[in-house]
Amino acid sequence: MLHYFITYKPFNTLSQFSSVENKQTLANFFSVPKDVYPVGRLDYDSEGLLILTNDKKLNHHLLNPLYAHKREYWVQVDGAITPQAIQQLCNGVEINVNGKMYKTKNAIAEIINEQIIVPERNPPIRFRKEIPASWIKIFLTEGKNRQVRKMTAKVGFPTLRLIRYSIEQLSLTNMQPGEIIQLSQKTIYKKLLL
């Protein structure tokens, strides 16, 4: 039987169920059938949308770079990000991937000017009164290791907090860290535009 779940992976949690000494894993939060695994991963220090399934076809479709699924990240950066830095992110920047320089594909990046509501993070980011922390949205169709963090650092605004908000039309709307929602195959395929 095929199973489909979306989860809000909490901060400082590994994207796996097998235990690792002194680190939280998905097993600390979610109980799913034994053959269900995460599709791709989010770094230990990132949070947000993670799909869990035992559907190998869906797994292949989401992880194969040919299909270029749109992913939306909400990123809190150190400092008041500039329009020039946003433009650089949009045009692609050179980052180090496995010891080689790689130019990221064109992205969509924008400053979030309105107040956004995100869950409290535990522990919270370090607050410094004299240095602002801007929120931006970045839409990518690729997922190199620690790509968003490398991109924002490259343009001079290191990432403080990183939340994957959506993949195609699947999003975290109203979800809290550690929450899980089961979906039907029809719903998940439709929202992933398959």
N, C-alpha and C. Protein backbone atom coordinates (compact mmCIF):
# COMPACT_ATOMS: atom_id res chain seq x y z
N MET A 1 0.85 -1.19 0.00
CA MET A 1 0.00 0.00 0.00
C MET A 1 0.89 1.25 0.00
N LEU A 2 0.52 2.22 -0.84
CA LEU A 2 1.32 3.45 -0.93
C LEU A 2 0.84 4.47 0.10
N HIS A 3 1.80 5.14 0.73
CA HIS A 3 1.50 6.14 1.75
C HIS A 3 2.14 7.46 1.37
N TYR A 4 1.48 8.56 1.72
CA TYR A 4 1.98 9.91 1.41
C TYR A 4 1.75 10.81 2.61
N PHE A 5 2.81 11.45 3.08
CA PHE A 5 2.72 12.37 4.21
C PHE A 5 3.50 13.63 3.88
N ILE A 6 3.02 14.77 4.39
CA ILE A 6 3.85 15.96 4.42
C ILE A 6 4.10 16.28 5.89
N THR A 7 5.32 16.72 6.17
CA THR A 7 5.70 17.02 7.54
C THR A 7 6.38 18.38 7.60
N TYR A 8 6.37 18.95 8.79
CA TYR A 8 7.17 20.15 9.05
C TYR A 8 8.37 19.65 9.86
N LYS A 9 9.50 19.45 9.17
CA LYS A 9 10.71 18.97 9.86
C LYS A 9 11.22 20.07 10.78
N PRO A 10 11.36 19.76 12.07
CA PRO A 10 11.86 20.78 12.99
C PRO A 10 13.35 21.08 12.79
N PHE A 11 13.77 22.23 13.28
CA PHE A 11 15.17 22.65 13.33
C PHE A 11 15.98 21.64 14.13
N ASN A 12 17.25 21.47 13.79
CA ASN A 12 18.16 20.54 14.48
C ASN A 12 17.60 19.12 14.55
N THR A 13 17.15 18.64 13.38
CA THR A 13 16.63 17.28 13.25
C THR A 13 17.17 16.70 11.95
N LEU A 14 17.70 15.49 12.01
CA LEU A 14 18.20 14.84 10.80
C LEU A 14 17.03 14.33 9.96
N SER A 15 17.18 14.39 8.63
CA SER A 15 16.14 13.92 7.70
C SER A 15 16.24 12.41 7.50
N GLN A 16 16.15 11.67 8.60
CA GLN A 16 16.22 10.20 8.54
C GLN A 16 15.54 9.65 9.78
N PHE A 17 15.22 8.35 9.71
CA PHE A 17 14.57 7.70 10.86
C PHE A 17 15.57 6.92 11.71
N SER A 18 16.68 6.48 11.10
CA SER A 18 17.65 5.71 11.88
C SER A 18 18.33 6.61 12.90
N SER A 19 18.56 6.07 14.08
CA SER A 19 19.05 6.91 15.18
C SER A 19 20.53 7.23 15.05
N VAL A 20 20.88 8.40 15.53
CA VAL A 20 22.26 8.87 15.56
C VAL A 20 22.48 9.42 16.97
N GLU A 21 23.60 9.05 17.57
CA GLU A 21 23.85 9.45 18.95
C GLU A 21 23.80 10.97 19.12
N ASN A 22 23.05 11.42 20.11
CA ASN A 22 22.95 12.84 20.50
C ASN A 22 22.30 13.75 19.45
N LYS A 23 21.62 13.19 18.46
CA LYS A 23 20.92 14.04 17.47
C LYS A 23 19.49 13.57 17.30
N GLN A 24 18.58 14.55 17.18
CA GLN A 24 17.19 14.20 16.92
C GLN A 24 17.06 13.75 15.47
N THR A 25 16.15 12.78 15.24
CA THR A 25 15.84 12.34 13.89
C THR A 25 14.32 12.44 13.70
N LEU A 26 13.87 12.12 12.51
CA LEU A 26 12.43 12.15 12.23
C LEU A 26 11.67 11.21 13.18
N ALA A 27 12.33 10.14 13.62
CA ALA A 27 11.68 9.18 14.53
C ALA A 27 11.29 9.80 15.87
N ASN A 28 11.93 10.92 16.24
CA ASN A 28 11.55 11.60 17.48
C ASN A 28 10.19 12.28 17.36
N PHE A 29 9.71 12.46 16.13
CA PHE A 29 8.47 13.23 15.91
C PHE A 29 7.38 12.45 15.19
N PHE A 30 7.78 11.56 14.27
CA PHE A 30 6.80 10.95 13.37
C PHE A 30 6.84 9.43 13.45
N SER A 31 5.64 8.83 13.46
CA SER A 31 5.53 7.38 13.41
C SER A 31 4.82 7.03 12.11
N VAL A 32 5.55 6.39 11.20
CA VAL A 32 5.00 6.03 9.88
C VAL A 32 5.34 4.57 9.61
N PRO A 33 4.68 3.95 8.61
CA PRO A 33 5.04 2.57 8.26
C PRO A 33 6.54 2.44 7.97
N LYS A 34 7.11 1.25 8.23
CA LYS A 34 8.56 1.04 8.15
C LYS A 34 9.16 1.31 6.78
N ASP A 35 8.37 1.14 5.71
CA ASP A 35 8.92 1.32 4.35
C ASP A 35 8.76 2.75 3.84
N VAL A 36 8.34 3.67 4.70
CA VAL A 36 8.16 5.08 4.31
C VAL A 36 9.42 5.87 4.69
N TYR A 37 9.91 6.63 3.70
CA TYR A 37 11.15 7.41 3.89
C TYR A 37 10.98 8.82 3.36
N PRO A 38 11.87 9.74 3.79
CA PRO A 38 11.80 11.10 3.25
C PRO A 38 12.23 11.13 1.78
N VAL A 39 11.59 12.01 1.03
CA VAL A 39 12.00 12.26 -0.35
C VAL A 39 13.01 13.39 -0.29
N GLY A 40 14.26 13.09 -0.61
CA GLY A 40 15.30 14.10 -0.48
C GLY A 40 15.54 14.38 0.99
N ARG A 41 16.10 15.56 1.26
CA ARG A 41 16.38 15.87 2.65
C ARG A 41 16.44 17.38 2.85
N LEU A 42 16.36 17.74 4.10
CA LEU A 42 16.63 19.10 4.53
C LEU A 42 17.79 18.99 5.51
N ASP A 43 18.72 19.93 5.46
CA ASP A 43 19.85 19.89 6.36
C ASP A 43 19.40 19.89 7.82
N TYR A 44 20.24 19.38 8.68
CA TYR A 44 19.99 19.31 10.12
C TYR A 44 19.54 20.66 10.67
N ASP A 45 20.22 21.75 10.22
CA ASP A 45 19.92 23.08 10.76
C ASP A 45 18.91 23.86 9.92
N SER A 46 18.24 23.19 8.98
CA SER A 46 17.15 23.79 8.23
C SER A 46 15.84 23.17 8.70
N GLU A 47 14.74 23.80 8.36
CA GLU A 47 13.43 23.29 8.79
C GLU A 47 12.44 23.42 7.65
N GLY A 48 11.29 22.79 7.82
CA GLY A 48 10.24 23.00 6.84
C GLY A 48 9.71 21.74 6.18
N LEU A 49 9.15 21.94 4.99
CA LEU A 49 8.40 20.91 4.29
C LEU A 49 9.27 19.74 3.87
N LEU A 50 8.86 18.56 4.29
CA LEU A 50 9.53 17.32 3.90
C LEU A 50 8.43 16.31 3.58
N ILE A 51 8.55 15.68 2.42
CA ILE A 51 7.58 14.66 1.99
C ILE A 51 8.09 13.30 2.41
N LEU A 52 7.21 12.48 2.97
CA LEU A 52 7.53 11.09 3.33
C LEU A 52 6.64 10.18 2.50
N THR A 53 7.21 9.15 1.88
CA THR A 53 6.41 8.23 1.07
C THR A 53 7.16 6.92 0.85
N ASN A 54 6.43 5.91 0.37
CA ASN A 54 7.05 4.68 -0.10
C ASN A 54 6.78 4.51 -1.61
N ASP A 55 6.37 5.58 -2.26
CA ASP A 55 6.09 5.58 -3.70
C ASP A 55 7.40 5.86 -4.44
N LYS A 56 8.00 4.80 -5.00
CA LYS A 56 9.31 4.95 -5.67
C LYS A 56 9.22 5.83 -6.91
N LYS A 57 8.09 5.78 -7.60
CA LYS A 57 7.91 6.61 -8.80
C LYS A 57 7.92 8.10 -8.42
N LEU A 58 7.21 8.44 -7.35
CA LEU A 58 7.18 9.83 -6.88
C LEU A 58 8.57 10.26 -6.42
N ASN A 59 9.24 9.40 -5.70
CA ASN A 59 10.59 9.68 -5.22
C ASN A 59 11.52 10.01 -6.40
N HIS A 60 11.48 9.17 -7.43
CA HIS A 60 12.32 9.38 -8.61
C HIS A 60 11.98 10.71 -9.29
N HIS A 61 10.69 10.97 -9.42
CA HIS A 61 10.23 12.18 -10.11
C HIS A 61 10.69 13.45 -9.39
N LEU A 62 10.64 13.43 -8.06
CA LEU A 62 11.01 14.63 -7.29
C LEU A 62 12.53 14.82 -7.19
N LEU A 63 13.29 13.74 -7.25
CA LEU A 63 14.74 13.85 -7.08
C LEU A 63 15.51 13.97 -8.39
N ASN A 64 14.87 13.63 -9.51
CA ASN A 64 15.55 13.71 -10.81
C ASN A 64 15.61 15.17 -11.26
N PRO A 65 16.82 15.71 -11.47
CA PRO A 65 16.96 17.12 -11.86
C PRO A 65 16.24 17.49 -13.16
N LEU A 66 15.96 16.49 -14.01
CA LEU A 66 15.26 16.76 -15.28
C LEU A 66 13.89 17.42 -15.07
N TYR A 67 13.24 17.07 -13.94
CA TYR A 67 11.87 17.54 -13.72
C TYR A 67 11.79 18.93 -13.08
N ALA A 68 12.88 19.41 -12.53
CA ALA A 68 13.01 20.80 -12.05
C ALA A 68 11.78 21.32 -11.29
N HIS A 69 11.46 20.70 -10.18
CA HIS A 69 10.31 21.16 -9.37
C HIS A 69 10.65 22.45 -8.65
N LYS A 70 9.67 23.35 -8.62
CA LYS A 70 9.88 24.64 -7.96
C LYS A 70 9.74 24.49 -6.44
N ARG A 71 10.77 24.96 -5.73
CA ARG A 71 10.77 24.93 -4.27
C ARG A 71 10.89 26.35 -3.76
N GLU A 72 10.10 26.67 -2.74
CA GLU A 72 10.12 28.02 -2.16
C GLU A 72 10.72 27.95 -0.77
N TYR A 73 11.72 28.81 -0.54
CA TYR A 73 12.39 28.90 0.75
C TYR A 73 12.17 30.27 1.35
N TRP A 74 11.90 30.32 2.65
CA TRP A 74 11.86 31.57 3.39
C TRP A 74 13.16 31.63 4.17
N VAL A 75 13.91 32.70 3.95
CA VAL A 75 15.26 32.77 4.49
C VAL A 75 15.44 34.05 5.29
N GLN A 76 15.84 33.91 6.53
CA GLN A 76 16.19 35.07 7.35
C GLN A 76 17.69 35.24 7.25
N VAL A 77 18.12 36.43 6.80
CA VAL A 77 19.54 36.66 6.59
C VAL A 77 20.07 37.72 7.56
N ASP A 78 21.37 37.71 7.73
CA ASP A 78 22.04 38.62 8.65
C ASP A 78 22.27 39.95 7.93
N GLY A 79 21.57 40.99 8.38
CA GLY A 79 21.72 42.31 7.78
C GLY A 79 20.51 42.70 6.93
N ALA A 80 20.49 43.98 6.53
CA ALA A 80 19.41 44.50 5.68
C ALA A 80 19.80 44.25 4.23
N ILE A 81 19.25 43.20 3.65
CA ILE A 81 19.66 42.79 2.30
C ILE A 81 19.35 43.88 1.28
N THR A 82 20.21 44.01 0.31
CA THR A 82 20.09 45.09 -0.68
C THR A 82 19.45 44.58 -1.97
N PRO A 83 18.86 45.50 -2.76
CA PRO A 83 18.33 45.11 -4.07
C PRO A 83 19.42 44.50 -4.97
N GLN A 84 20.66 44.98 -4.82
CA GLN A 84 21.76 44.43 -5.63
C GLN A 84 22.01 42.96 -5.30
N ALA A 85 21.97 42.63 -4.00
CA ALA A 85 22.17 41.24 -3.58
C ALA A 85 21.03 40.36 -4.09
N ILE A 86 19.81 40.89 -4.04
CA ILE A 86 18.65 40.14 -4.57
C ILE A 86 18.83 39.87 -6.06
N GLN A 87 19.29 40.89 -6.80
CA GLN A 87 19.51 40.72 -8.25
C GLN A 87 20.58 39.66 -8.52
N GLN A 88 21.63 39.66 -7.72
CA GLN A 88 22.68 38.63 -7.87
C GLN A 88 22.10 37.23 -7.66
N LEU A 89 21.26 37.07 -6.64
CA LEU A 89 20.64 35.77 -6.38
C LEU A 89 19.79 35.34 -7.57
N CYS A 90 19.07 36.30 -8.16
CA CYS A 90 18.21 36.00 -9.31
C CYS A 90 19.02 35.56 -10.52
N ASN A 91 20.18 36.19 -10.71
CA ASN A 91 21.01 35.90 -11.89
C ASN A 91 21.86 34.65 -11.74
N GLY A 92 21.93 34.11 -10.53
CA GLY A 92 22.79 32.96 -10.27
C GLY A 92 24.14 33.41 -9.76
N VAL A 93 24.68 32.68 -8.80
CA VAL A 93 25.99 33.00 -8.23
C VAL A 93 26.86 31.76 -8.25
N GLU A 94 28.15 31.97 -8.15
CA GLU A 94 29.09 30.84 -8.12
C GLU A 94 29.24 30.34 -6.68
N ILE A 95 28.99 29.06 -6.50
CA ILE A 95 29.15 28.45 -5.18
C ILE A 95 30.03 27.22 -5.33
N ASN A 96 30.59 26.76 -4.23
CA ASN A 96 31.42 25.57 -4.24
C ASN A 96 30.54 24.35 -4.00
N VAL A 97 30.56 23.41 -4.96
CA VAL A 97 29.81 22.16 -4.82
C VAL A 97 30.81 21.02 -5.00
N ASN A 98 31.04 20.28 -3.94
CA ASN A 98 31.99 19.15 -3.95
C ASN A 98 33.37 19.55 -4.48
N GLY A 99 33.85 20.71 -4.05
CA GLY A 99 35.19 21.14 -4.40
C GLY A 99 35.32 21.81 -5.77
N LYS A 100 34.20 21.95 -6.49
CA LYS A 100 34.24 22.60 -7.80
C LYS A 100 33.32 23.81 -7.78
N MET A 101 33.67 24.84 -8.53
CA MET A 101 32.80 26.01 -8.62
C MET A 101 31.62 25.70 -9.54
N TYR A 102 30.44 26.12 -9.10
CA TYR A 102 29.20 25.85 -9.84
C TYR A 102 28.37 27.12 -9.85
N LYS A 103 27.89 27.50 -11.04
CA LYS A 103 27.02 28.68 -11.13
C LYS A 103 25.57 28.21 -11.00
N THR A 104 24.88 28.75 -10.00
CA THR A 104 23.50 28.34 -9.77
C THR A 104 22.62 28.83 -10.92
N LYS A 105 21.54 28.09 -11.15
CA LYS A 105 20.58 28.49 -12.20
C LYS A 105 19.90 29.78 -11.77
N ASN A 106 19.33 30.48 -12.76
CA ASN A 106 18.54 31.67 -12.43
C ASN A 106 17.47 31.30 -11.42
N ALA A 107 17.25 32.17 -10.47
CA ALA A 107 16.27 31.93 -9.41
C ALA A 107 15.32 33.13 -9.35
N ILE A 108 14.30 33.00 -8.56
CA ILE A 108 13.46 34.15 -8.22
C ILE A 108 13.76 34.46 -6.76
N ALA A 109 14.12 35.68 -6.47
CA ALA A 109 14.39 36.08 -5.09
C ALA A 109 13.72 37.42 -4.86
N GLU A 110 13.14 37.59 -3.68
CA GLU A 110 12.47 38.86 -3.36
C GLU A 110 12.52 39.09 -1.86
N ILE A 111 12.56 40.36 -1.51
CA ILE A 111 12.51 40.74 -0.10
C ILE A 111 11.07 40.59 0.38
N ILE A 112 10.89 40.02 1.57
CA ILE A 112 9.55 39.93 2.16
C ILE A 112 9.34 41.20 2.98
N ASN A 113 8.50 42.09 2.49
CA ASN A 113 8.27 43.35 3.19
C ASN A 113 7.16 43.26 4.23
N GLU A 114 6.18 42.38 3.97
CA GLU A 114 5.08 42.26 4.93
C GLU A 114 5.51 41.41 6.12
N GLN A 115 4.80 41.53 7.20
CA GLN A 115 5.07 40.74 8.40
C GLN A 115 4.70 39.29 8.11
N ILE A 116 5.64 38.38 8.29
CA ILE A 116 5.30 36.97 8.11
C ILE A 116 5.22 36.30 9.46
N ILE A 117 4.38 35.28 9.53
CA ILE A 117 4.21 34.56 10.79
C ILE A 117 4.87 33.20 10.64
N VAL A 118 5.91 32.99 11.41
CA VAL A 118 6.60 31.70 11.42
C VAL A 118 6.64 31.20 12.86
N PRO A 119 6.67 29.87 13.03
CA PRO A 119 6.72 29.34 14.40
C PRO A 119 7.99 29.79 15.11
N GLU A 120 7.92 29.88 16.42
CA GLU A 120 9.11 30.17 17.23
C GLU A 120 10.13 29.07 16.95
N ARG A 121 11.38 29.45 16.91
CA ARG A 121 12.42 28.43 16.75
C ARG A 121 13.08 28.19 18.09
N ASN A 122 13.38 26.92 18.36
CA ASN A 122 14.02 26.57 19.62
C ASN A 122 15.33 25.84 19.32
N PRO A 123 16.50 26.42 19.64
CA PRO A 123 16.67 27.74 20.25
C PRO A 123 16.46 28.83 19.21
N PRO A 124 16.08 30.05 19.65
CA PRO A 124 15.87 31.14 18.71
C PRO A 124 17.19 31.61 18.10
N ILE A 125 17.10 32.33 16.97
CA ILE A 125 18.32 32.88 16.39
C ILE A 125 18.82 33.97 17.34
N ARG A 126 20.10 34.24 17.27
CA ARG A 126 20.68 35.26 18.14
C ARG A 126 20.18 36.63 17.69
N PHE A 127 19.58 37.37 18.59
CA PHE A 127 19.03 38.69 18.26
C PHE A 127 20.06 39.76 18.57
N ARG A 128 20.30 40.63 17.58
CA ARG A 128 21.23 41.75 17.80
C ARG A 128 20.51 43.03 17.40
N LYS A 129 20.30 43.87 18.39
CA LYS A 129 19.50 45.07 18.20
C LYS A 129 20.02 45.97 17.09
N GLU A 130 21.35 46.08 16.99
CA GLU A 130 21.93 47.04 16.05
C GLU A 130 22.04 46.49 14.62
N ILE A 131 21.82 45.19 14.42
CA ILE A 131 21.92 44.60 13.08
C ILE A 131 20.58 43.98 12.70
N PRO A 132 19.94 44.50 11.63
CA PRO A 132 18.65 43.94 11.23
C PRO A 132 18.81 42.53 10.65
N ALA A 133 17.74 41.79 10.62
CA ALA A 133 17.71 40.47 10.01
C ALA A 133 16.54 40.45 9.03
N SER A 134 16.84 40.52 7.75
CA SER A 134 15.80 40.56 6.72
C SER A 134 15.28 39.16 6.41
N TRP A 135 14.03 39.12 5.98
CA TRP A 135 13.46 37.87 5.44
C TRP A 135 13.35 38.02 3.93
N ILE A 136 13.75 36.96 3.21
CA ILE A 136 13.60 36.94 1.76
C ILE A 136 12.95 35.61 1.36
N LYS A 137 12.39 35.60 0.15
CA LYS A 137 11.90 34.36 -0.45
C LYS A 137 12.82 34.03 -1.60
N ILE A 138 13.19 32.76 -1.73
CA ILE A 138 13.96 32.31 -2.88
C ILE A 138 13.24 31.09 -3.47
N PHE A 139 13.01 31.14 -4.77
CA PHE A 139 12.40 30.03 -5.49
C PHE A 139 13.49 29.37 -6.35
N LEU A 140 13.73 28.08 -6.11
CA LEU A 140 14.75 27.34 -6.86
C LEU A 140 14.13 26.15 -7.57
N THR A 141 14.78 25.71 -8.65
CA THR A 141 14.37 24.48 -9.32
C THR A 141 15.49 23.45 -9.27
N GLU A 142 16.45 23.67 -8.41
CA GLU A 142 17.56 22.73 -8.22
C GLU A 142 17.86 22.68 -6.73
N GLY A 143 18.61 21.67 -6.31
CA GLY A 143 18.88 21.54 -4.89
C GLY A 143 20.26 20.97 -4.60
N LYS A 144 21.26 21.78 -4.78
CA LYS A 144 22.63 21.36 -4.43
C LYS A 144 22.78 21.40 -2.91
N ASN A 145 23.78 20.70 -2.40
CA ASN A 145 24.01 20.64 -0.96
C ASN A 145 24.22 22.03 -0.37
N ARG A 146 23.37 22.38 0.58
CA ARG A 146 23.42 23.66 1.31
C ARG A 146 23.39 24.87 0.36
N GLN A 147 22.69 24.72 -0.74
CA GLN A 147 22.71 25.73 -1.80
C GLN A 147 22.23 27.10 -1.34
N VAL A 148 21.10 27.18 -0.67
CA VAL A 148 20.56 28.48 -0.27
C VAL A 148 21.55 29.19 0.66
N ARG A 149 22.09 28.48 1.63
CA ARG A 149 23.06 29.07 2.56
C ARG A 149 24.30 29.59 1.82
N LYS A 150 24.78 28.79 0.87
CA LYS A 150 25.96 29.20 0.10
C LYS A 150 25.65 30.42 -0.76
N MET A 151 24.44 30.47 -1.32
CA MET A 151 24.06 31.59 -2.18
C MET A 151 23.97 32.90 -1.38
N THR A 152 23.30 32.86 -0.23
CA THR A 152 23.15 34.11 0.53
C THR A 152 24.50 34.57 1.10
N ALA A 153 25.35 33.62 1.49
CA ALA A 153 26.68 33.98 1.99
C ALA A 153 27.50 34.63 0.87
N LYS A 154 27.36 34.10 -0.34
CA LYS A 154 28.13 34.61 -1.49
C LYS A 154 27.80 36.08 -1.77
N VAL A 155 26.55 36.48 -1.54
CA VAL A 155 26.17 37.88 -1.80
C VAL A 155 26.29 38.74 -0.54
N GLY A 156 26.91 38.19 0.50
CA GLY A 156 27.24 39.00 1.68
C GLY A 156 26.21 39.03 2.80
N PHE A 157 25.21 38.12 2.74
CA PHE A 157 24.16 38.10 3.77
C PHE A 157 23.95 36.66 4.25
N PRO A 158 24.76 36.21 5.21
CA PRO A 158 24.65 34.82 5.67
C PRO A 158 23.26 34.47 6.19
N THR A 159 22.87 33.23 5.96
CA THR A 159 21.57 32.73 6.41
C THR A 159 21.57 32.50 7.91
N LEU A 160 20.55 33.03 8.57
CA LEU A 160 20.34 32.79 10.01
C LEU A 160 19.31 31.69 10.24
N ARG A 161 18.28 31.68 9.41
CA ARG A 161 17.20 30.71 9.55
C ARG A 161 16.68 30.36 8.15
N LEU A 162 16.45 29.08 7.91
CA LEU A 162 16.03 28.62 6.59
C LEU A 162 14.85 27.67 6.72
N ILE A 163 13.75 28.04 6.05
CA ILE A 163 12.51 27.24 6.08
C ILE A 163 12.12 26.91 4.64
N ARG A 164 12.02 25.61 4.32
CA ARG A 164 11.45 25.27 3.01
C ARG A 164 9.94 25.35 3.17
N TYR A 165 9.34 26.34 2.48
CA TYR A 165 7.92 26.60 2.65
C TYR A 165 7.05 25.76 1.71
N SER A 166 7.54 25.53 0.48
CA SER A 166 6.69 24.77 -0.45
C SER A 166 7.51 24.04 -1.51
N ILE A 167 6.87 23.01 -2.08
CA ILE A 167 7.35 22.32 -3.27
C ILE A 167 6.15 22.33 -4.21
N GLU A 168 6.32 23.00 -5.37
CA GLU A 168 5.19 23.23 -6.29
C GLU A 168 4.01 23.80 -5.48
N GLN A 169 2.84 23.12 -5.46
CA GLN A 169 1.68 23.68 -4.76
C GLN A 169 1.45 23.05 -3.38
N LEU A 170 2.39 22.24 -2.92
CA LEU A 170 2.32 21.69 -1.56
C LEU A 170 3.01 22.68 -0.64
N SER A 171 2.36 23.09 0.43
CA SER A 171 3.01 24.07 1.31
C SER A 171 2.76 23.76 2.78
N LEU A 172 3.48 24.51 3.61
CA LEU A 172 3.39 24.35 5.07
C LEU A 172 2.23 25.12 5.69
N THR A 173 1.38 25.71 4.89
CA THR A 173 0.34 26.59 5.41
C THR A 173 -0.23 26.10 6.74
N ASN A 174 -0.07 26.91 7.77
CA ASN A 174 -0.61 26.65 9.12
C ASN A 174 -0.01 25.46 9.85
N MET A 175 1.02 24.81 9.28
CA MET A 175 1.63 23.68 9.99
C MET A 175 2.64 24.19 11.01
N GLN A 176 2.88 23.39 12.03
CA GLN A 176 3.85 23.69 13.08
C GLN A 176 4.97 22.65 13.04
N PRO A 177 6.16 22.99 13.52
CA PRO A 177 7.25 22.01 13.55
C PRO A 177 6.82 20.74 14.28
N GLY A 178 7.15 19.59 13.69
CA GLY A 178 6.79 18.31 14.28
C GLY A 178 5.41 17.83 13.90
N GLU A 179 4.72 18.56 13.01
CA GLU A 179 3.37 18.16 12.59
C GLU A 179 3.45 17.33 11.31
N ILE A 180 2.50 16.41 11.16
CA ILE A 180 2.44 15.54 9.98
C ILE A 180 1.01 15.47 9.47
N ILE A 181 0.85 15.45 8.15
CA ILE A 181 -0.48 15.34 7.53
C ILE A 181 -0.41 14.24 6.48
N GLN A 182 -1.37 13.30 6.53
CA GLN A 182 -1.43 12.26 5.51
C GLN A 182 -2.28 12.74 4.35
N LEU A 183 -1.82 12.49 3.12
CA LEU A 183 -2.55 12.90 1.92
C LEU A 183 -2.82 11.70 1.04
N SER A 184 -3.82 11.83 0.16
CA SER A 184 -4.09 10.78 -0.81
C SER A 184 -3.12 10.92 -1.98
N GLN A 185 -2.96 9.85 -2.73
CA GLN A 185 -2.10 9.90 -3.91
C GLN A 185 -2.60 10.96 -4.89
N LYS A 186 -3.91 11.00 -5.08
CA LYS A 186 -4.50 11.96 -6.02
C LYS A 186 -4.14 13.40 -5.62
N THR A 187 -4.29 13.71 -4.33
CA THR A 187 -4.01 15.07 -3.85
C THR A 187 -2.54 15.43 -4.02
N ILE A 188 -1.65 14.54 -3.60
CA ILE A 188 -0.23 14.88 -3.64
C ILE A 188 0.26 14.99 -5.09
N TYR A 189 -0.22 14.12 -5.98
CA TYR A 189 0.19 14.19 -7.38
C TYR A 189 -0.33 15.48 -8.01
N LYS A 190 -1.54 15.85 -7.67
CA LYS A 190 -2.11 17.09 -8.24
C LYS A 190 -1.33 18.30 -7.77
N LYS A 191 -1.03 18.36 -6.46
CA LYS A 191 -0.31 19.53 -5.92
C LYS A 191 1.14 19.59 -6.38
N LEU A 192 1.71 18.45 -6.74
CA LEU A 192 3.08 18.42 -7.26
C LEU A 192 3.11 18.54 -8.78
N LEU A 193 1.93 18.75 -9.37
CA LEU A 193 1.79 18.95 -10.82
C LEU A 193 2.32 17.76 -11.62
N LEU A 194 2.02 16.55 -11.13
CA LEU A 194 2.47 15.33 -11.83
C LEU A 194 1.37 14.80 -12.74
